[in-house]
Amino acid sequence: AQAMMDLGATICTPRRPNCMLCPLNGSCLGLAQGDPELLP
């Protein structure tokens, strides 16, 4: 739970998420679709 919070606060940020450093980038459908910043 705390890891999810930290990921959102430091990597998967509302603007300009740092997808290159995200440990979940291989599973992220938003990234696969091309522009995760449009979500949510």
All heavy atoms as atom14 arrays in JSON, in Angstrom:
{
  "sequence": "AQAMMDLGATICTPRRPNCMLCPLNGSCLGLAQGDPELLP",
  "atom14_mask": [
    [1, 1, 1, 1, 1, 0, 0, 0, 0, 0, 0, 0, 0, 0],
    [1, 1, 1, 1, 1, 1, 1, 1, 1, 0, 0, 0, 0, 0],
    [1, 1, 1, 1, 1, 0, 0, 0, 0, 0, 0, 0, 0, 0],
    [1, 1, 1, 1, 1, 1, 1, 1, 0, 0, 0, 0, 0, 0],
    [1, 1, 1, 1, 1, 1, 1, 1, 0, 0, 0, 0, 0, 0],
    [1, 1, 1, 1, 1, 1, 1, 1, 0, 0, 0, 0, 0, 0],
    [1, 1, 1, 1, 1, 1, 1, 1, 0, 0, 0, 0, 0, 0],
    [1, 1, 1, 1, 0, 0, 0, 0, 0, 0, 0, 0, 0, 0],
    [1, 1, 1, 1, 1, 0, 0, 0, 0, 0, 0, 0, 0, 0],
    [1, 1, 1, 1, 1, 1, 1, 0, 0, 0, 0, 0, 0, 0],
    [1, 1, 1, 1, 1, 1, 1, 1, 0, 0, 0, 0, 0, 0],
    [1, 1, 1, 1, 1, 1, 0, 0, 0, 0, 0, 0, 0, 0],
    [1, 1, 1, 1, 1, 1, 1, 0, 0, 0, 0, 0, 0, 0],
    [1, 1, 1, 1, 1, 1, 1, 0, 0, 0, 0, 0, 0, 0],
    [1, 1, 1, 1, 1, 1, 1, 1, 1, 1, 1, 0, 0, 0],
    [1, 1, 1, 1, 1, 1, 1, 1, 1, 1, 1, 0, 0, 0],
    [1, 1, 1, 1, 1, 1, 1, 0, 0, 0, 0, 0, 0, 0],
    [1, 1, 1, 1, 1, 1, 1, 1, 0, 0, 0, 0, 0, 0],
    [1, 1, 1, 1, 1, 1, 0, 0, 0, 0, 0, 0, 0, 0],
    [1, 1, 1, 1, 1, 1, 1, 1, 0, 0, 0, 0, 0, 0],
    [1, 1, 1, 1, 1, 1, 1, 1, 0, 0, 0, 0, 0, 0],
    [1, 1, 1, 1, 1, 1, 0, 0, 0, 0, 0, 0, 0, 0],
    [1, 1, 1, 1, 1, 1, 1, 0, 0, 0, 0, 0, 0, 0],
    [1, 1, 1, 1, 1, 1, 1, 1, 0, 0, 0, 0, 0, 0],
    [1, 1, 1, 1, 1, 1, 1, 1, 0, 0, 0, 0, 0, 0],
    [1, 1, 1, 1, 0, 0, 0, 0, 0, 0, 0, 0, 0, 0],
    [1, 1, 1, 1, 1, 1, 0, 0, 0, 0, 0, 0, 0, 0],
    [1, 1, 1, 1, 1, 1, 0, 0, 0, 0, 0, 0, 0, 0],
    [1, 1, 1, 1, 1, 1, 1, 1, 0, 0, 0, 0, 0, 0],
    [1, 1, 1, 1, 0, 0, 0, 0, 0, 0, 0, 0, 0, 0],
    [1, 1, 1, 1, 1, 1, 1, 1, 0, 0, 0, 0, 0, 0],
    [1, 1, 1, 1, 1, 0, 0, 0, 0, 0, 0, 0, 0, 0],
    [1, 1, 1, 1, 1, 1, 1, 1, 1, 0, 0, 0, 0, 0],
    [1, 1, 1, 1, 0, 0, 0, 0, 0, 0, 0, 0, 0, 0],
    [1, 1, 1, 1, 1, 1, 1, 1, 0, 0, 0, 0, 0, 0],
    [1, 1, 1, 1, 1, 1, 1, 0, 0, 0, 0, 0, 0, 0],
    [1, 1, 1, 1, 1, 1, 1, 1, 1, 0, 0, 0, 0, 0],
    [1, 1, 1, 1, 1, 1, 1, 1, 0, 0, 0, 0, 0, 0],
    [1, 1, 1, 1, 1, 1, 1, 1, 0, 0, 0, 0, 0, 0],
    [1, 1, 1, 1, 1, 1, 1, 0, 0, 0, 0, 0, 0, 0]
  ],
  "atom14_positions": [
    [[0.84, -1.21, 0.0], [0.0, 0.0, 0.0], [0.87, 1.25, 0.0], [0.61, 2.21, -0.75], [-0.93, -0.01, 1.21], [0.0, 0.0, 0.0], [0.0, 0.0, 0.0], [0.0, 0.0, 0.0], [0.0, 0.0, 0.0], [0.0, 0.0, 0.0], [0.0, 0.0, 0.0], [0.0, 0.0, 0.0], [0.0, 0.0, 0.0], [0.0, 0.0, 0.0]],
    [[1.9, 1.25, 0.83], [2.78, 2.42, 0.89], [3.61, 2.56, -0.38], [3.91, 3.68, -0.82], [3.68, 2.31, 2.12], [2.88, 2.4, 3.42], [3.74, 2.16, 4.64], [4.1, 3.1, 5.35], [4.08, 0.91, 4.89], [0.0, 0.0, 0.0], [0.0, 0.0, 0.0], [0.0, 0.0, 0.0], [0.0, 0.0, 0.0], [0.0, 0.0, 0.0]],
    [[3.96, 1.44, -0.99], [4.7, 1.48, -2.26], [3.85, 2.11, -3.35], [4.34, 2.9, -4.17], [5.13, 0.07, -2.66], [0.0, 0.0, 0.0], [0.0, 0.0, 0.0], [0.0, 0.0, 0.0], [0.0, 0.0, 0.0], [0.0, 0.0, 0.0], [0.0, 0.0, 0.0], [0.0, 0.0, 0.0], [0.0, 0.0, 0.0], [0.0, 0.0, 0.0]],
    [[2.57, 1.76, -3.4], [1.68, 2.36, -4.4], [1.59, 3.87, -4.2], [1.62, 4.66, -5.16], [0.3, 1.72, -4.31], [0.23, 0.28, -4.79], [0.3, 0.13, -6.59], [-1.41, 0.53, -7.02], [0.0, 0.0, 0.0], [0.0, 0.0, 0.0], [0.0, 0.0, 0.0], [0.0, 0.0, 0.0], [0.0, 0.0, 0.0], [0.0, 0.0, 0.0]],
    [[1.48, 4.3, -2.94], [1.42, 5.73, -2.66], [2.71, 6.42, -3.08], [2.69, 7.5, -3.7], [1.19, 5.95, -1.16], [-0.14, 5.43, -0.65], [-0.17, 5.54, 1.17], [-1.7, 4.67, 1.52], [0.0, 0.0, 0.0], [0.0, 0.0, 0.0], [0.0, 0.0, 0.0], [0.0, 0.0, 0.0], [0.0, 0.0, 0.0], [0.0, 0.0, 0.0]],
    [[3.85, 5.8, -2.77], [5.14, 6.4, -3.14], [5.31, 6.46, -4.65], [5.85, 7.43, -5.18], [6.29, 5.6, -2.52], [6.51, 5.93, -1.05], [5.65, 6.6, -0.45], [7.54, 5.51, -0.49], [0.0, 0.0, 0.0], [0.0, 0.0, 0.0], [0.0, 0.0, 0.0], [0.0, 0.0, 0.0], [0.0, 0.0, 0.0], [0.0, 0.0, 0.0]],
    [[4.88, 5.42, -5.33], [5.0, 5.41, -6.79], [4.21, 6.57, -7.39], [4.7, 7.28, -8.28], [4.5, 4.08, -7.35], [4.75, 3.85, -8.85], [6.23, 3.62, -9.1], [3.94, 2.67, -9.36], [0.0, 0.0, 0.0], [0.0, 0.0, 0.0], [0.0, 0.0, 0.0], [0.0, 0.0, 0.0], [0.0, 0.0, 0.0], [0.0, 0.0, 0.0]],
    [[2.99, 6.77, -6.91], [2.18, 7.87, -7.42], [2.75, 9.23, -7.07], [2.61, 10.19, -7.84], [0.0, 0.0, 0.0], [0.0, 0.0, 0.0], [0.0, 0.0, 0.0], [0.0, 0.0, 0.0], [0.0, 0.0, 0.0], [0.0, 0.0, 0.0], [0.0, 0.0, 0.0], [0.0, 0.0, 0.0], [0.0, 0.0, 0.0], [0.0, 0.0, 0.0]],
    [[3.38, 9.35, -5.91], [3.91, 10.64, -5.47], [5.23, 11.0, -6.14], [5.53, 12.19, -6.32], [4.11, 10.63, -3.95], [0.0, 0.0, 0.0], [0.0, 0.0, 0.0], [0.0, 0.0, 0.0], [0.0, 0.0, 0.0], [0.0, 0.0, 0.0], [0.0, 0.0, 0.0], [0.0, 0.0, 0.0], [0.0, 0.0, 0.0], [0.0, 0.0, 0.0]],
    [[6.02, 10.01, -6.55], [7.37, 10.3, -7.02], [7.63, 9.94, -8.48], [8.49, 10.54, -9.11], [8.41, 9.56, -6.15], [8.24, 8.14, -6.3], [8.27, 9.94, -4.68], [0.0, 0.0, 0.0], [0.0, 0.0, 0.0], [0.0, 0.0, 0.0], [0.0, 0.0, 0.0], [0.0, 0.0, 0.0], [0.0, 0.0, 0.0], [0.0, 0.0, 0.0]],
    [[6.9, 8.96, -9.03], [7.15, 8.49, -10.4], [5.91, 8.7, -11.28], [5.97, 9.36, -12.31], [7.53, 6.99, -10.42], [8.82, 6.75, -9.62], [7.68, 6.49, -11.85], [10.06, 7.31, -10.25], [0.0, 0.0, 0.0], [0.0, 0.0, 0.0], [0.0, 0.0, 0.0], [0.0, 0.0, 0.0], [0.0, 0.0, 0.0], [0.0, 0.0, 0.0]],
    [[4.79, 8.16, -10.87], [3.55, 8.22, -11.66], [2.78, 9.49, -11.29], [1.65, 9.45, -10.81], [2.72, 6.96, -11.41], [1.4, 6.71, -12.61], [0.0, 0.0, 0.0], [0.0, 0.0, 0.0], [0.0, 0.0, 0.0], [0.0, 0.0, 0.0], [0.0, 0.0, 0.0], [0.0, 0.0, 0.0], [0.0, 0.0, 0.0], [0.0, 0.0, 0.0]],
    [[3.41, 10.62, -11.51], [2.89, 11.91, -11.07], [1.8, 12.41, -12.03], [1.7, 11.95, -13.17], [4.04, 12.93, -11.01], [4.77, 12.87, -12.24], [4.98, 12.61, -9.85], [0.0, 0.0, 0.0], [0.0, 0.0, 0.0], [0.0, 0.0, 0.0], [0.0, 0.0, 0.0], [0.0, 0.0, 0.0], [0.0, 0.0, 0.0], [0.0, 0.0, 0.0]],
    [[0.99, 13.38, -11.6], [-0.08, 13.86, -12.47], [0.43, 14.41, -13.79], [-0.17, 14.18, -14.84], [-0.75, 14.96, -11.63], [-0.46, 14.59, -10.22], [0.9, 13.97, -10.24], [0.0, 0.0, 0.0], [0.0, 0.0, 0.0], [0.0, 0.0, 0.0], [0.0, 0.0, 0.0], [0.0, 0.0, 0.0], [0.0, 0.0, 0.0], [0.0, 0.0, 0.0]],
    [[1.52, 15.14, -13.75], [2.1, 15.71, -14.96], [3.47, 15.1, -15.2], [4.24, 14.92, -14.27], [2.22, 17.24, -14.84], [0.89, 17.94, -14.62], [0.07, 17.98, -15.9], [-1.24, 18.59, -15.69], [-2.34, 17.91, -15.42], [-2.3, 16.59, -15.34], [-3.49, 18.54, -15.23], [0.0, 0.0, 0.0], [0.0, 0.0, 0.0], [0.0, 0.0, 0.0]],
    [[3.79, 14.81, -16.43], [5.09, 14.32, -16.87], [5.57, 13.13, -16.02], [6.62, 13.18, -15.4], [6.12, 15.45, -16.83], [5.66, 16.67, -17.59], [6.61, 17.84, -17.47], [7.59, 17.82, -18.54], [8.51, 18.76, -18.72], [8.57, 19.79, -17.89], [9.36, 18.68, -19.71], [0.0, 0.0, 0.0], [0.0, 0.0, 0.0], [0.0, 0.0, 0.0]],
    [[4.8, 12.05, -15.98], [5.25, 10.87, -15.22], [6.56, 10.33, -15.79], [6.8, 10.36, -17.0], [4.1, 9.88, -15.42], [3.41, 10.34, -16.67], [3.53, 11.83, -16.69], [0.0, 0.0, 0.0], [0.0, 0.0, 0.0], [0.0, 0.0, 0.0], [0.0, 0.0, 0.0], [0.0, 0.0, 0.0], [0.0, 0.0, 0.0], [0.0, 0.0, 0.0]],
    [[7.41, 9.83, -14.9], [8.72, 9.33, -15.3], [8.62, 7.83, -15.59], [9.09, 6.98, -14.82], [9.75, 9.6, -14.2], [11.17, 9.48, -14.7], [11.43, 8.86, -15.74], [12.1, 10.07, -13.98], [0.0, 0.0, 0.0], [0.0, 0.0, 0.0], [0.0, 0.0, 0.0], [0.0, 0.0, 0.0], [0.0, 0.0, 0.0], [0.0, 0.0, 0.0]],
    [[7.98, 7.51, -16.7], [7.68, 6.11, -17.03], [8.95, 5.27, -17.22], [8.93, 4.06, -16.99], [6.8, 6.04, -18.27], [5.21, 6.87, -18.07], [0.0, 0.0, 0.0], [0.0, 0.0, 0.0], [0.0, 0.0, 0.0], [0.0, 0.0, 0.0], [0.0, 0.0, 0.0], [0.0, 0.0, 0.0], [0.0, 0.0, 0.0], [0.0, 0.0, 0.0]],
    [[10.04, 5.9, -17.64], [11.29, 5.15, -17.85], [11.79, 4.51, -16.56], [12.43, 3.46, -16.59], [12.36, 6.07, -18.43], [12.07, 6.54, -19.85], [12.14, 5.18, -21.04], [13.9, 4.84, -21.02], [0.0, 0.0, 0.0], [0.0, 0.0, 0.0], [0.0, 0.0, 0.0], [0.0, 0.0, 0.0], [0.0, 0.0, 0.0], [0.0, 0.0, 0.0]],
    [[11.5, 5.15, -15.42], [11.98, 4.64, -14.14], [10.93, 3.84, -13.39], [11.2, 3.34, -12.29], [12.44, 5.8, -13.25], [13.63, 6.62, -13.77], [13.99, 7.71, -12.77], [14.83, 5.73, -14.04], [0.0, 0.0, 0.0], [0.0, 0.0, 0.0], [0.0, 0.0, 0.0], [0.0, 0.0, 0.0], [0.0, 0.0, 0.0], [0.0, 0.0, 0.0]],
    [[9.76, 3.69, -13.97], [8.66, 3.02, -13.26], [8.87, 1.51, -13.25], [9.09, 0.9, -14.31], [7.33, 3.36, -13.91], [5.93, 2.56, -13.09], [0.0, 0.0, 0.0], [0.0, 0.0, 0.0], [0.0, 0.0, 0.0], [0.0, 0.0, 0.0], [0.0, 0.0, 0.0], [0.0, 0.0, 0.0], [0.0, 0.0, 0.0], [0.0, 0.0, 0.0]],
    [[8.78, 0.87, -12.09], [8.96, -0.59, -12.03], [7.81, -1.36, -12.69], [7.93, -2.56, -12.92], [9.02, -0.87, -10.53], [8.23, 0.24, -9.9], [8.53, 1.45, -10.75], [0.0, 0.0, 0.0], [0.0, 0.0, 0.0], [0.0, 0.0, 0.0], [0.0, 0.0, 0.0], [0.0, 0.0, 0.0], [0.0, 0.0, 0.0], [0.0, 0.0, 0.0]],
    [[6.71, -0.67, -12.99], [5.54, -1.33, -13.59], [5.38, -0.98, -15.07], [4.35, -1.29, -15.66], [4.27, -0.93, -12.83], [4.29, -1.16, -11.31], [2.94, -0.79, -10.71], [4.66, -2.59, -10.96], [0.0, 0.0, 0.0], [0.0, 0.0, 0.0], [0.0, 0.0, 0.0], [0.0, 0.0, 0.0], [0.0, 0.0, 0.0], [0.0, 0.0, 0.0]],
    [[6.39, -0.38, -15.68], [6.19, 0.08, -17.06], [5.95, -1.06, -18.04], [5.29, -0.87, -19.06], [7.34, 0.98, -17.52], [8.7, 0.32, -17.4], [8.81, -0.9, -17.33], [9.75, 1.14, -17.37], [0.0, 0.0, 0.0], [0.0, 0.0, 0.0], [0.0, 0.0, 0.0], [0.0, 0.0, 0.0], [0.0, 0.0, 0.0], [0.0, 0.0, 0.0]],
    [[6.43, -2.25, -17.72], [6.18, -3.37, -18.62], [4.77, -3.91, -18.56], [4.34, -4.66, -19.45], [0.0, 0.0, 0.0], [0.0, 0.0, 0.0], [0.0, 0.0, 0.0], [0.0, 0.0, 0.0], [0.0, 0.0, 0.0], [0.0, 0.0, 0.0], [0.0, 0.0, 0.0], [0.0, 0.0, 0.0], [0.0, 0.0, 0.0], [0.0, 0.0, 0.0]],
    [[4.02, -3.53, -17.52], [2.64, -4.0, -17.35], [1.61, -2.9, -17.57], [0.41, -3.15, -17.45], [2.46, -4.57, -15.94], [3.37, -5.62, -15.68], [0.0, 0.0, 0.0], [0.0, 0.0, 0.0], [0.0, 0.0, 0.0], [0.0, 0.0, 0.0], [0.0, 0.0, 0.0], [0.0, 0.0, 0.0], [0.0, 0.0, 0.0], [0.0, 0.0, 0.0]],
    [[2.06, -1.67, -17.87], [1.17, -0.51, -17.88], [0.48, -0.36, -19.23], [1.11, -0.02, -20.24], [1.95, 0.75, -17.54], [0.91, 2.22, -17.45], [0.0, 0.0, 0.0], [0.0, 0.0, 0.0], [0.0, 0.0, 0.0], [0.0, 0.0, 0.0], [0.0, 0.0, 0.0], [0.0, 0.0, 0.0], [0.0, 0.0, 0.0], [0.0, 0.0, 0.0]],
    [[-0.83, -0.56, -19.24], [-1.59, -0.41, -20.48], [-1.67, 1.05, -20.91], [-1.71, 1.35, -22.11], [-2.99, -0.98, -20.3], [-3.08, -2.5, -20.05], [-4.53, -2.92, -19.9], [-2.42, -3.26, -21.18], [0.0, 0.0, 0.0], [0.0, 0.0, 0.0], [0.0, 0.0, 0.0], [0.0, 0.0, 0.0], [0.0, 0.0, 0.0], [0.0, 0.0, 0.0]],
    [[-1.7, 1.96, -19.94], [-1.72, 3.37, -20.3], [-0.47, 3.78, -21.05], [-0.54, 4.52, -22.04], [0.0, 0.0, 0.0], [0.0, 0.0, 0.0], [0.0, 0.0, 0.0], [0.0, 0.0, 0.0], [0.0, 0.0, 0.0], [0.0, 0.0, 0.0], [0.0, 0.0, 0.0], [0.0, 0.0, 0.0], [0.0, 0.0, 0.0], [0.0, 0.0, 0.0]],
    [[0.67, 3.29, -20.61], [1.92, 3.56, -21.32], [1.91, 2.89, -22.69], [2.33, 3.5, -23.69], [3.11, 3.06, -20.5], [4.5, 3.22, -21.13], [4.8, 4.7, -21.41], [5.57, 2.62, -20.22], [0.0, 0.0, 0.0], [0.0, 0.0, 0.0], [0.0, 0.0, 0.0], [0.0, 0.0, 0.0], [0.0, 0.0, 0.0], [0.0, 0.0, 0.0]],
    [[1.42, 1.67, -22.77], [1.37, 0.96, -24.05], [0.5, 1.69, -25.06], [0.76, 1.65, -26.27], [0.86, -0.46, -23.83], [0.0, 0.0, 0.0], [0.0, 0.0, 0.0], [0.0, 0.0, 0.0], [0.0, 0.0, 0.0], [0.0, 0.0, 0.0], [0.0, 0.0, 0.0], [0.0, 0.0, 0.0], [0.0, 0.0, 0.0], [0.0, 0.0, 0.0]],
    [[-0.52, 2.4, -24.56], [-1.4, 3.14, -25.46], [-0.82, 4.48, -25.88], [-1.36, 5.15, -26.74], [-2.76, 3.34, -24.81], [-3.56, 2.04, -24.65], [-4.92, 2.26, -24.02], [-5.29, 3.39, -23.69], [-5.67, 1.19, -23.83], [0.0, 0.0, 0.0], [0.0, 0.0, 0.0], [0.0, 0.0, 0.0], [0.0, 0.0, 0.0], [0.0, 0.0, 0.0]],
    [[0.29, 4.89, -25.25], [1.02, 6.04, -25.75], [1.03, 7.29, -24.92], [1.96, 8.1, -25.04], [0.0, 0.0, 0.0], [0.0, 0.0, 0.0], [0.0, 0.0, 0.0], [0.0, 0.0, 0.0], [0.0, 0.0, 0.0], [0.0, 0.0, 0.0], [0.0, 0.0, 0.0], [0.0, 0.0, 0.0], [0.0, 0.0, 0.0], [0.0, 0.0, 0.0]],
    [[0.04, 7.54, -24.07], [0.02, 8.79, -23.31], [-0.64, 8.6, -21.96], [-1.8, 8.97, -21.75], [-0.69, 9.9, -24.09], [-0.36, 11.29, -23.55], [0.26, 11.37, -22.46], [-0.7, 12.28, -24.2], [0.0, 0.0, 0.0], [0.0, 0.0, 0.0], [0.0, 0.0, 0.0], [0.0, 0.0, 0.0], [0.0, 0.0, 0.0], [0.0, 0.0, 0.0]],
    [[0.08, 8.03, -20.99], [-0.53, 7.8, -19.67], [-0.93, 9.07, -18.95], [-1.79, 9.04, -18.07], [0.56, 7.05, -18.92], [1.84, 7.38, -19.63], [1.47, 7.56, -21.06], [0.0, 0.0, 0.0], [0.0, 0.0, 0.0], [0.0, 0.0, 0.0], [0.0, 0.0, 0.0], [0.0, 0.0, 0.0], [0.0, 0.0, 0.0], [0.0, 0.0, 0.0]],
    [[-0.36, 10.2, -19.34], [-0.7, 11.45, -18.66], [-2.17, 11.83, -18.85], [-2.73, 12.6, -18.06], [0.2, 12.58, -19.17], [0.07, 13.87, -18.36], [1.08, 14.92, -18.77], [2.21, 14.56, -19.12], [0.72, 16.11, -18.74], [0.0, 0.0, 0.0], [0.0, 0.0, 0.0], [0.0, 0.0, 0.0], [0.0, 0.0, 0.0], [0.0, 0.0, 0.0]],
    [[-2.82, 11.26, -19.85], [-4.24, 11.55, -20.08], [-5.14, 10.86, -19.05], [-6.34, 11.14, -18.99], [-4.64, 11.12, -21.48], [-3.94, 11.86, -22.64], [-4.38, 11.26, -23.97], [-4.23, 13.35, -22.58], [0.0, 0.0, 0.0], [0.0, 0.0, 0.0], [0.0, 0.0, 0.0], [0.0, 0.0, 0.0], [0.0, 0.0, 0.0], [0.0, 0.0, 0.0]],
    [[-4.57, 9.93, -18.28], [-5.34, 9.18, -17.29], [-4.91, 9.58, -15.88], [-3.75, 9.93, -15.66], [-5.11, 7.68, -17.51], [-5.54, 7.14, -18.88], [-5.01, 5.72, -19.08], [-7.06, 7.17, -19.02], [0.0, 0.0, 0.0], [0.0, 0.0, 0.0], [0.0, 0.0, 0.0], [0.0, 0.0, 0.0], [0.0, 0.0, 0.0], [0.0, 0.0, 0.0]],
    [[-5.82, 9.51, -14.91], [-7.24, 9.18, -15.05], [-8.03, 10.34, -15.66], [-7.67, 11.5, -15.52], [-7.66, 8.93, -13.6], [-6.74, 9.78, -12.79], [-5.43, 9.78, -13.51], [0.0, 0.0, 0.0], [0.0, 0.0, 0.0], [0.0, 0.0, 0.0], [0.0, 0.0, 0.0], [0.0, 0.0, 0.0], [0.0, 0.0, 0.0], [0.0, 0.0, 0.0]]
  ]
}
